[in-house]
Amino acid sequence: MLLKDKVALITGAGNGIGRATAIRFIQEGAKAVISDVDEAGLAETSQQIADLGAAATIVVGSVAMREDVKRMVDCATSAYGGLHILINNAGITRDGLTTRIKDGEVRYLAEEQWEAVLDVNLKGTWLCSQAAAVPMIEQGYGRIVNTSSIAALGNIGQANYAASKAGIIGLTKTLALEWARYNIAVNCVAPGGVNTRMTETIPEKIITSLRENIPLKRFAEPEEIAAVHVFLASEQASYVTGQVIFVDGGVSVGA
């Protein structure tokens, strides 16, 4: 098992990639603390883990709130005596064109939409990394995996989301440099289209068009992203830090 006895905090674990990652980590021998704002989703994830004959510790909270983040990290250290791995997976979208004119009326992407996405995606990644770094520095070991997106390269109607995900890449590289001296590796996964609850709401016509622009002609399954999380969190990636791995079916090759 690649993560035997390692303690991992996984955010956004109530569904999709976060849930798949939590389950895969348990299967690889990790002790998991799973968090989300979605209490019902966390309960479903916990039940799926229980069905495997294992257990995870649940913390309901927002990564955008420092108090909640501290609670997540404290829960890991108090329950399991340390924290070795942080998977910064929590994220939201609030899509809309930055500026448009319709029937002579100027319409803007609302500041609330901008702030909500930057708060959860970028600030949340920073807060969780900042808090998790304390026990990692003290023990002289840590693995942090952040979540960017193919959208970091630019995507119409997602200025807020693209900015947050591009910011995560810069944050990843900076933290990798700051914390290398403590044996903390910081890397980043940038998924393309993934079959999750978020993509289920996209009209089929648009989904079909999106698939046609993917060299592999399909969306990823959450478990395929989880596999990359496992690699980066394991000793198989012991000399990898500050890197961004695009898991996008080849879309970024021509970008």
Protein backbone atom coordinates (compact mmCIF):
# COMPACT_ATOMS: atom_id res chain seq x y z
CA MET A 1 0.00 0.00 0.00
CA LEU A 2 1.44 3.33 -1.07
CA LEU A 3 0.11 5.43 1.83
CA LYS A 4 0.21 3.00 4.74
CA ASP A 5 -0.31 4.77 8.10
CA LYS A 6 -0.09 8.23 6.53
CA VAL A 7 -2.60 10.79 7.82
CA ALA A 8 -4.38 12.72 5.07
CA LEU A 9 -6.76 15.68 5.10
CA ILE A 10 -8.92 15.79 1.98
CA THR A 11 -11.12 18.83 1.37
CA GLY A 12 -14.19 18.84 -0.85
CA ALA A 13 -14.63 15.14 -0.07
CA GLY A 14 -18.43 15.18 -0.19
CA ASN A 15 -18.59 14.13 -3.84
CA GLY A 16 -16.71 13.76 -7.11
CA ILE A 17 -12.93 13.88 -7.12
CA GLY A 18 -12.70 14.43 -3.37
CA ARG A 19 -14.80 11.37 -2.62
CA ALA A 20 -12.86 9.22 -5.08
CA THR A 21 -9.59 10.43 -3.55
CA ALA A 22 -10.72 9.70 0.01
CA ILE A 23 -11.75 6.17 -0.95
CA ARG A 24 -8.52 5.52 -2.86
CA PHE A 25 -6.41 6.84 0.01
CA ILE A 26 -8.17 4.52 2.45
CA GLN A 27 -7.52 1.64 0.07
CA GLU A 28 -3.84 2.62 0.02
CA GLY A 29 -3.65 2.40 3.81
CA ALA A 30 -4.06 6.06 4.79
CA LYS A 31 -5.95 7.43 7.77
CA ALA A 32 -8.29 10.07 6.40
CA VAL A 33 -9.92 13.23 7.66
CA ILE A 34 -12.53 14.30 5.14
CA SER A 35 -14.10 17.76 5.02
CA ASP A 36 -16.75 19.61 3.06
CA VAL A 37 -19.53 22.15 3.56
CA ASP A 38 -21.92 19.45 2.34
CA GLU A 39 -22.70 17.38 5.44
CA ALA A 40 -24.96 14.95 3.56
CA GLY A 41 -22.29 14.39 0.92
CA LEU A 42 -19.70 13.68 3.59
CA ALA A 43 -22.04 11.16 5.18
CA GLU A 44 -22.32 9.36 1.82
CA THR A 45 -18.54 9.33 1.43
CA SER A 46 -18.15 8.03 4.98
CA GLN A 47 -20.67 5.26 4.29
CA GLN A 48 -18.83 4.17 1.14
CA ILE A 49 -15.62 4.02 3.18
CA ALA A 50 -17.43 2.03 5.89
CA ASP A 51 -18.58 -0.41 3.22
CA LEU A 52 -14.89 -1.12 2.63
CA GLY A 53 -14.50 -2.03 6.29
CA ALA A 54 -12.68 1.21 7.16
CA ALA A 55 -13.52 4.59 8.69
CA ALA A 56 -12.78 8.25 8.12
CA THR A 57 -13.07 11.24 10.43
CA ILE A 58 -15.59 13.85 9.26
CA VAL A 59 -15.23 17.62 9.68
CA VAL A 60 -17.97 19.83 8.27
CA GLY A 61 -16.63 23.29 7.43
CA SER A 62 -15.58 25.83 4.85
CA VAL A 63 -12.01 26.11 3.58
CA ALA A 64 -12.61 29.86 3.23
CA MET A 65 -12.95 30.23 7.02
CA ARG A 66 -9.73 30.19 9.04
CA GLU A 67 -11.52 28.85 12.14
CA ASP A 68 -12.95 25.92 10.19
CA VAL A 69 -9.58 25.16 8.61
CA LYS A 70 -7.89 25.13 12.01
CA ARG A 71 -10.54 22.70 13.21
CA MET A 72 -9.80 20.38 10.28
CA VAL A 73 -6.07 20.30 10.98
CA ASP A 74 -6.53 20.03 14.75
CA CYS A 75 -8.89 17.11 14.18
CA ALA A 76 -6.22 15.26 12.19
CA THR A 77 -3.46 15.84 14.72
CA SER A 78 -5.62 15.01 17.75
CA ALA A 79 -7.20 11.90 16.21
CA TYR A 80 -4.11 10.47 14.55
CA GLY A 81 -1.12 12.24 16.08
CA GLY A 82 0.02 14.13 13.00
CA LEU A 83 -0.74 15.21 9.44
CA HIS A 84 1.31 13.99 6.50
CA ILE A 85 -0.81 14.79 3.44
CA LEU A 86 -3.13 17.63 2.44
CA ILE A 87 -5.29 17.35 -0.67
CA ASN A 88 -6.67 20.82 -1.46
CA ASN A 89 -9.62 19.70 -3.57
CA ALA A 90 -12.50 21.97 -2.48
CA GLY A 91 -13.68 24.34 -5.19
CA ILE A 92 -16.72 26.10 -6.64
CA THR A 93 -17.80 27.83 -9.85
CA ARG A 94 -19.95 30.92 -10.36
CA ASP A 95 -19.84 31.35 -14.12
CA GLY A 96 -20.67 34.44 -16.15
CA LEU A 97 -19.22 36.73 -18.80
CA THR A 98 -17.07 39.50 -17.35
CA THR A 99 -18.84 42.28 -19.27
CA ARG A 100 -21.61 42.11 -21.84
CA ILE A 101 -24.18 44.39 -23.39
CA LYS A 102 -27.67 43.06 -24.02
CA ASP A 103 -30.50 45.20 -25.40
CA GLY A 104 -28.39 48.26 -24.72
CA GLU A 105 -27.88 47.34 -21.05
CA VAL A 106 -24.38 46.78 -19.66
CA ARG A 107 -24.11 43.73 -17.45
CA TYR A 108 -21.12 42.70 -15.37
CA LEU A 109 -20.00 39.59 -13.60
CA ALA A 110 -21.10 40.38 -10.05
CA GLU A 111 -18.46 41.12 -7.43
CA GLU A 112 -20.14 38.52 -5.24
CA GLN A 113 -19.50 35.88 -7.92
CA TRP A 114 -15.85 36.94 -8.16
CA GLU A 115 -15.29 37.00 -4.41
CA ALA A 116 -17.04 33.70 -3.69
CA VAL A 117 -14.88 31.78 -6.17
CA LEU A 118 -11.60 33.43 -5.16
CA ASP A 119 -12.44 32.91 -1.47
CA VAL A 120 -13.04 29.18 -1.74
CA ASN A 121 -10.64 28.20 -4.52
CA LEU A 122 -7.58 30.39 -3.94
CA LYS A 123 -7.88 31.71 -0.41
CA GLY A 124 -9.11 28.30 0.76
CA THR A 125 -6.08 26.58 -0.73
CA TRP A 126 -3.80 29.13 0.94
CA LEU A 127 -5.49 28.84 4.36
CA CYS A 128 -5.44 25.04 4.35
CA SER A 129 -1.81 24.91 3.23
CA GLN A 130 -0.81 27.47 5.83
CA ALA A 131 -2.47 25.54 8.66
CA ALA A 132 -1.31 22.10 7.51
CA ALA A 133 2.27 23.31 7.19
CA VAL A 134 2.58 23.72 10.98
CA PRO A 135 2.50 19.99 11.90
CA MET A 136 4.35 19.17 8.68
CA ILE A 137 7.21 21.55 9.56
CA GLU A 138 7.33 20.21 13.11
CA GLN A 139 7.63 16.61 11.91
CA GLY A 140 9.93 17.45 8.99
CA TYR A 141 7.69 15.83 6.38
CA GLY A 142 4.68 16.72 4.28
CA ARG A 143 2.93 16.32 0.94
CA ILE A 144 0.51 18.96 -0.32
CA VAL A 145 -1.42 18.53 -3.56
CA ASN A 146 -3.37 21.53 -4.81
CA THR A 147 -6.07 21.59 -7.47
CA SER A 148 -5.82 23.89 -10.46
CA SER A 149 -7.67 23.30 -13.76
CA ILE A 150 -7.27 23.42 -17.52
CA ALA A 151 -9.33 26.62 -17.10
CA ALA A 152 -6.21 28.27 -15.68
CA LEU A 153 -5.15 28.69 -19.31
CA GLY A 154 -8.29 30.75 -19.95
CA ASN A 155 -11.94 29.90 -20.48
CA ILE A 156 -14.84 32.03 -21.71
CA GLY A 157 -17.34 32.82 -18.97
CA GLN A 158 -15.00 31.79 -16.17
CA ALA A 159 -12.79 34.79 -15.46
CA ASN A 160 -13.19 34.29 -11.71
CA TYR A 161 -12.59 30.53 -11.85
CA ALA A 162 -9.67 30.82 -14.29
CA ALA A 163 -8.04 33.52 -12.15
CA SER A 164 -8.40 31.39 -9.02
CA LYS A 165 -6.93 28.32 -10.70
CA ALA A 166 -4.06 30.26 -12.27
CA GLY A 167 -3.38 31.75 -8.84
CA ILE A 168 -3.18 28.26 -7.37
CA ILE A 169 -0.37 27.42 -9.79
CA GLY A 170 1.64 30.44 -8.63
CA LEU A 171 0.87 29.60 -5.01
CA THR A 172 1.98 26.00 -5.51
CA LYS A 173 5.34 26.99 -6.95
CA THR A 174 5.96 29.55 -4.20
CA LEU A 175 5.08 27.20 -1.35
CA ALA A 176 7.25 24.49 -2.91
CA LEU A 177 10.22 26.86 -2.71
CA GLU A 178 9.40 28.09 0.80
CA TRP A 179 8.87 24.65 2.34
CA ALA A 180 11.39 22.44 0.54
CA ARG A 181 13.80 22.99 3.44
CA TYR A 182 11.29 21.19 5.69
CA ASN A 183 10.92 18.20 3.36
CA ILE A 184 7.43 19.34 2.32
CA ALA A 185 6.65 18.74 -1.34
CA VAL A 186 3.95 20.94 -2.88
CA ASN A 187 2.49 20.02 -6.25
CA CYS A 188 -0.61 20.70 -8.27
CA VAL A 189 -3.06 18.67 -10.36
CA ALA A 190 -4.87 20.48 -13.18
CA PRO A 191 -7.82 18.38 -14.38
CA GLY A 192 -9.70 18.88 -17.60
CA GLY A 193 -13.27 17.66 -17.99
CA VAL A 194 -14.27 15.16 -15.31
CA ASN A 195 -17.54 13.26 -14.90
CA THR A 196 -18.77 14.78 -11.64
CA ARG A 197 -21.94 16.30 -10.22
CA MET A 198 -20.73 19.67 -11.50
CA THR A 199 -20.57 18.53 -15.13
CA GLU A 200 -23.90 16.70 -14.94
CA THR A 201 -25.70 20.05 -15.21
CA ILE A 202 -24.07 20.93 -18.56
CA PRO A 203 -26.41 20.40 -21.55
CA GLU A 204 -25.57 17.29 -23.58
CA LYS A 205 -25.00 19.35 -26.74
CA ILE A 206 -22.26 21.31 -24.99
CA ILE A 207 -20.78 18.17 -23.42
CA THR A 208 -20.54 16.56 -26.85
CA SER A 209 -18.76 19.62 -28.24
CA LEU A 210 -16.34 19.66 -25.31
CA ARG A 211 -15.51 15.98 -25.78
CA GLU A 212 -14.72 16.55 -29.44
CA ASN A 213 -11.99 19.03 -28.41
CA ILE A 214 -10.32 16.47 -26.14
CA PRO A 215 -7.67 14.34 -27.90
CA LEU A 216 -8.77 11.26 -25.91
CA LYS A 217 -12.42 12.07 -26.81
CA ARG A 218 -13.81 11.58 -23.31
CA PHE A 219 -14.03 13.10 -19.86
CA ALA A 220 -11.99 11.63 -17.02
CA GLU A 221 -13.52 9.63 -14.21
CA PRO A 222 -12.90 10.98 -10.68
CA GLU A 223 -10.85 7.87 -9.90
CA GLU A 224 -8.35 8.85 -12.62
CA ILE A 225 -7.65 12.14 -10.84
CA ALA A 226 -7.47 10.32 -7.51
CA ALA A 227 -4.74 8.08 -8.95
CA VAL A 228 -2.57 11.14 -9.61
CA HIS A 229 -3.25 12.38 -6.08
CA VAL A 230 -1.98 9.06 -4.74
CA PHE A 231 1.19 9.27 -6.82
CA LEU A 232 2.03 12.81 -5.70
CA ALA A 233 1.25 12.01 -2.07
CA SER A 234 3.38 8.86 -2.06
CA GLU A 235 7.09 8.21 -1.89
CA GLN A 236 7.01 7.39 -5.59
CA ALA A 237 7.04 11.17 -6.09
CA SER A 238 9.66 11.88 -3.41
CA TYR A 239 11.75 14.09 -5.74
CA VAL A 240 8.83 15.95 -7.30
CA THR A 241 7.87 19.40 -6.04
CA GLY A 242 6.58 22.65 -7.52
CA GLN A 243 5.08 20.86 -10.50
CA VAL A 244 1.73 21.13 -12.27
CA ILE A 245 0.39 17.93 -13.80
CA PHE A 246 -2.37 18.45 -16.36
CA VAL A 247 -4.75 15.50 -16.27
CA ASP A 248 -6.83 16.62 -19.22
CA GLY A 249 -6.82 13.97 -21.92
CA GLY A 250 -4.30 15.97 -23.94
CA VAL A 251 -6.11 19.32 -24.17
CA SER A 252 -3.17 21.35 -22.82
CA VAL A 253 -0.75 19.91 -25.37
CA GLY A 254 -1.88 22.36 -28.02
CA ALA A 255 -2.55 25.24 -25.65
